[in-house]
Amino acid sequence: MQNLPKIKDLKSPDGYFDSLPDQILAKSQKRESYPWIKWAASITLIVSIGVWQWNNYDSTSEALLMEEEIDLYIDSQYWSAEDILSMSENPEEILNEIIEDENPFIEEGSSDQEEIWY
């Protein structure tokens, strides 16, 4: 204890405690903010982005991706025509679509009898 330096008496500046309550009130009034506004803004932003994404979701894009993947398997000769027809529930429908794609000049219902192309 003898080795510790002696501290001089602490004195406050003149008039410090007279203005202290006003300073404390001023600081507390500045900090009065509305944290619920930040939460409401962030929730609104998240909801609006979700709605925007949901409205922009295109169900046909998923079908197109699947069709492109199927085309890739066919082009790489991983799948044959027989494989694809065996995976289908209605192979005649697939064959009819292929015929329509290859012959765009055939009109539907132009003849009383349907010709069987397969």
C-alpha atoms as a PDB file:
ATOM      1  CA  MET A   1       0.000   0.000   0.000  1.00  0.00           C
ATOM      2  CA  GLN A   2       2.902   2.300   0.665  1.00  0.00           C
ATOM      3  CA  ASN A   3       4.089   1.967  -2.925  1.00  0.00           C
ATOM      4  CA  LEU A   4       0.821   3.238  -4.418  1.00  0.00           C
ATOM      5  CA  PRO A   5       0.780   6.858  -5.467  1.00  0.00           C
ATOM      6  CA  LYS A   6      -1.454   9.190  -3.530  1.00  0.00           C
ATOM      7  CA  ILE A   7      -4.532  10.431  -5.371  1.00  0.00           C
ATOM      8  CA  LYS A   8      -5.491  14.033  -5.120  1.00  0.00           C
ATOM      9  CA  ASP A   9      -8.985  14.880  -4.058  1.00  0.00           C
ATOM     10  CA  LEU A  10     -11.417  14.672  -6.954  1.00  0.00           C
ATOM     11  CA  LYS A  11     -13.300  17.858  -7.606  1.00  0.00           C
ATOM     12  CA  SER A  12     -16.046  18.430 -10.125  1.00  0.00           C
ATOM     13  CA  PRO A  13     -16.052  21.484 -12.369  1.00  0.00           C
ATOM     14  CA  ASP A  14     -18.094  24.429 -11.231  1.00  0.00           C
ATOM     15  CA  GLY A  15     -21.779  24.103 -12.175  1.00  0.00           C
ATOM     16  CA  TYR A  16     -21.379  20.514 -13.436  1.00  0.00           C
ATOM     17  CA  PHE A  17     -24.201  19.044 -11.389  1.00  0.00           C
ATOM     18  CA  ASP A  18     -26.470  21.994 -12.164  1.00  0.00           C
ATOM     19  CA  SER A  19     -26.581  21.117 -15.885  1.00  0.00           C
ATOM     20  CA  LEU A  20     -26.274  17.313 -15.487  1.00  0.00           C
ATOM     21  CA  PRO A  21     -30.045  16.507 -15.305  1.00  0.00           C
ATOM     22  CA  ASP A  22     -30.677  18.493 -18.499  1.00  0.00           C
ATOM     23  CA  GLN A  23     -27.861  16.658 -20.302  1.00  0.00           C
ATOM     24  CA  ILE A  24     -29.186  13.263 -19.194  1.00  0.00           C
ATOM     25  CA  LEU A  25     -32.727  14.081 -20.343  1.00  0.00           C
ATOM     26  CA  ALA A  26     -31.466  15.352 -23.702  1.00  0.00           C
ATOM     27  CA  LYS A  27     -29.543  12.124 -24.314  1.00  0.00           C
ATOM     28  CA  SER A  28     -32.459   9.929 -23.273  1.00  0.00           C
ATOM     29  CA  GLN A  29     -34.838  11.774 -25.597  1.00  0.00           C
ATOM     30  CA  LYS A  30     -32.455  11.329 -28.532  1.00  0.00           C
ATOM     31  CA  ARG A  31     -32.348   7.598 -27.988  1.00  0.00           C
ATOM     32  CA  GLU A  32     -36.100   7.293 -28.028  1.00  0.00           C
ATOM     33  CA  SER A  33     -36.525   5.489 -31.292  1.00  0.00           C
ATOM     34  CA  TYR A  34     -39.096   3.133 -32.618  1.00  0.00           C
ATOM     35  CA  PRO A  35     -37.504  -0.291 -33.121  1.00  0.00           C
ATOM     36  CA  TRP A  36     -40.822  -1.673 -34.356  1.00  0.00           C
ATOM     37  CA  ILE A  37     -40.458   0.510 -37.461  1.00  0.00           C
ATOM     38  CA  LYS A  38     -37.250  -1.336 -38.370  1.00  0.00           C
ATOM     39  CA  TRP A  39     -38.946  -4.686 -37.812  1.00  0.00           C
ATOM     40  CA  ALA A  40     -41.999  -3.654 -39.826  1.00  0.00           C
ATOM     41  CA  ALA A  41     -39.811  -2.421 -42.684  1.00  0.00           C
ATOM     42  CA  SER A  42     -37.762  -5.615 -42.758  1.00  0.00           C
ATOM     43  CA  ILE A  43     -40.861  -7.841 -42.628  1.00  0.00           C
ATOM     44  CA  THR A  44     -42.476  -5.794 -45.399  1.00  0.00           C
ATOM     45  CA  LEU A  45     -39.349  -6.159 -47.494  1.00  0.00           C
ATOM     46  CA  ILE A  46     -39.181  -9.917 -46.958  1.00  0.00           C
ATOM     47  CA  VAL A  47     -42.874 -10.394 -47.739  1.00  0.00           C
ATOM     48  CA  SER A  48     -42.694  -8.249 -50.881  1.00  0.00           C
ATOM     49  CA  ILE A  49     -39.670 -10.180 -52.160  1.00  0.00           C
ATOM     50  CA  GLY A  50     -41.491 -13.442 -51.461  1.00  0.00           C
ATOM     51  CA  VAL A  51     -44.597 -12.286 -53.306  1.00  0.00           C
ATOM     52  CA  TRP A  52     -42.481 -11.064 -56.205  1.00  0.00           C
ATOM     53  CA  GLN A  53     -40.662 -14.405 -56.440  1.00  0.00           C
ATOM     54  CA  TRP A  54     -43.913 -16.353 -56.155  1.00  0.00           C
ATOM     55  CA  ASN A  55     -45.517 -14.340 -58.957  1.00  0.00           C
ATOM     56  CA  ASN A  56     -42.469 -14.745 -61.187  1.00  0.00           C
ATOM     57  CA  TYR A  57     -42.361 -18.511 -60.728  1.00  0.00           C
ATOM     58  CA  ASP A  58     -43.131 -20.086 -64.050  1.00  0.00           C
ATOM     59  CA  SER A  59     -44.282 -23.689 -63.897  1.00  0.00           C
ATOM     60  CA  THR A  60     -43.488 -24.147 -67.581  1.00  0.00           C
ATOM     61  CA  SER A  61     -39.802 -23.511 -66.882  1.00  0.00           C
ATOM     62  CA  GLU A  62     -39.649 -26.711 -64.826  1.00  0.00           C
ATOM     63  CA  ALA A  63     -41.251 -28.660 -67.666  1.00  0.00           C
ATOM     64  CA  LEU A  64     -38.804 -27.133 -70.131  1.00  0.00           C
ATOM     65  CA  LEU A  65     -35.855 -28.119 -67.970  1.00  0.00           C
ATOM     66  CA  MET A  66     -37.141 -31.672 -67.822  1.00  0.00           C
ATOM     67  CA  GLU A  67     -37.646 -31.735 -71.581  1.00  0.00           C
ATOM     68  CA  GLU A  68     -34.098 -30.441 -72.135  1.00  0.00           C
ATOM     69  CA  GLU A  69     -32.751 -33.121 -69.828  1.00  0.00           C
ATOM     70  CA  ILE A  70     -34.663 -35.791 -71.717  1.00  0.00           C
ATOM     71  CA  ASP A  71     -33.308 -34.426 -75.003  1.00  0.00           C
ATOM     72  CA  LEU A  72     -29.802 -34.619 -73.562  1.00  0.00           C
ATOM     73  CA  TYR A  73     -30.272 -38.292 -72.671  1.00  0.00           C
ATOM     74  CA  ILE A  74     -31.610 -38.998 -76.152  1.00  0.00           C
ATOM     75  CA  ASP A  75     -28.867 -37.060 -77.955  1.00  0.00           C
ATOM     76  CA  SER A  76     -26.142 -38.785 -75.951  1.00  0.00           C
ATOM     77  CA  GLN A  77     -27.770 -42.108 -76.892  1.00  0.00           C
ATOM     78  CA  TYR A  78     -28.117 -43.015 -73.246  1.00  0.00           C
ATOM     79  CA  TRP A  79     -31.819 -43.650 -73.881  1.00  0.00           C
ATOM     80  CA  SER A  80     -33.268 -45.223 -76.979  1.00  0.00           C
ATOM     81  CA  ALA A  81     -36.724 -44.676 -78.429  1.00  0.00           C
ATOM     82  CA  GLU A  82     -37.855 -47.957 -76.895  1.00  0.00           C
ATOM     83  CA  ASP A  83     -36.696 -46.809 -73.447  1.00  0.00           C
ATOM     84  CA  ILE A  84     -38.690 -43.610 -73.677  1.00  0.00           C
ATOM     85  CA  LEU A  85     -41.818 -45.363 -74.923  1.00  0.00           C
ATOM     86  CA  SER A  86     -41.530 -47.949 -72.136  1.00  0.00           C
ATOM     87  CA  MET A  87     -41.386 -45.153 -69.515  1.00  0.00           C
ATOM     88  CA  SER A  88     -44.538 -43.497 -70.826  1.00  0.00           C
ATOM     89  CA  GLU A  89     -48.015 -44.273 -69.595  1.00  0.00           C
ATOM     90  CA  ASN A  90     -49.430 -43.633 -73.067  1.00  0.00           C
ATOM     91  CA  PRO A  91     -46.861 -44.331 -75.803  1.00  0.00           C
ATOM     92  CA  GLU A  92     -49.385 -43.698 -78.579  1.00  0.00           C
ATOM     93  CA  GLU A  93     -49.707 -40.092 -77.445  1.00  0.00           C
ATOM     94  CA  ILE A  94     -45.943 -39.601 -77.710  1.00  0.00           C
ATOM     95  CA  LEU A  95     -45.884 -41.108 -81.183  1.00  0.00           C
ATOM     96  CA  ASN A  96     -48.747 -38.856 -82.282  1.00  0.00           C
ATOM     97  CA  GLU A  97     -46.869 -35.798 -81.005  1.00  0.00           C
ATOM     98  CA  ILE A  98     -43.748 -36.850 -82.911  1.00  0.00           C
ATOM     99  CA  ILE A  99     -45.772 -37.295 -86.079  1.00  0.00           C
ATOM    100  CA  GLU A 100     -47.391 -33.862 -85.657  1.00  0.00           C
ATOM    101  CA  ASP A 101     -43.986 -32.256 -85.080  1.00  0.00           C
ATOM    102  CA  GLU A 102     -42.448 -33.897 -88.141  1.00  0.00           C
ATOM    103  CA  ASN A 103     -45.423 -33.277 -90.445  1.00  0.00           C
ATOM    104  CA  PRO A 104     -46.841 -29.821 -89.718  1.00  0.00           C
ATOM    105  CA  PHE A 105     -49.002 -29.937 -92.846  1.00  0.00           C
ATOM    106  CA  ILE A 106     -51.266 -32.689 -91.538  1.00  0.00           C
ATOM    107  CA  GLU A 107     -54.464 -31.147 -90.276  1.00  0.00           C
ATOM    108  CA  GLU A 108     -56.276 -32.696 -87.392  1.00  0.00           C
ATOM    109  CA  GLY A 109     -59.618 -34.179 -88.278  1.00  0.00           C
ATOM    110  CA  SER A 110     -59.077 -33.746 -92.025  1.00  0.00           C
ATOM    111  CA  SER A 111     -60.051 -37.325 -92.796  1.00  0.00           C
ATOM    112  CA  ASP A 112     -62.652 -39.592 -91.331  1.00  0.00           C
ATOM    113  CA  GLN A 113     -60.134 -42.339 -90.788  1.00  0.00           C
ATOM    114  CA  GLU A 114     -56.996 -41.842 -88.800  1.00  0.00           C
ATOM    115  CA  GLU A 115     -53.956 -43.357 -90.340  1.00  0.00           C
ATOM    116  CA  ILE A 116     -51.736 -45.375 -88.078  1.00  0.00           C
ATOM    117  CA  TRP A 117     -48.130 -44.332 -88.593  1.00  0.00           C
ATOM    118  CA  TYR A 118     -46.455 -46.812 -86.347  1.00  0.00           C
END
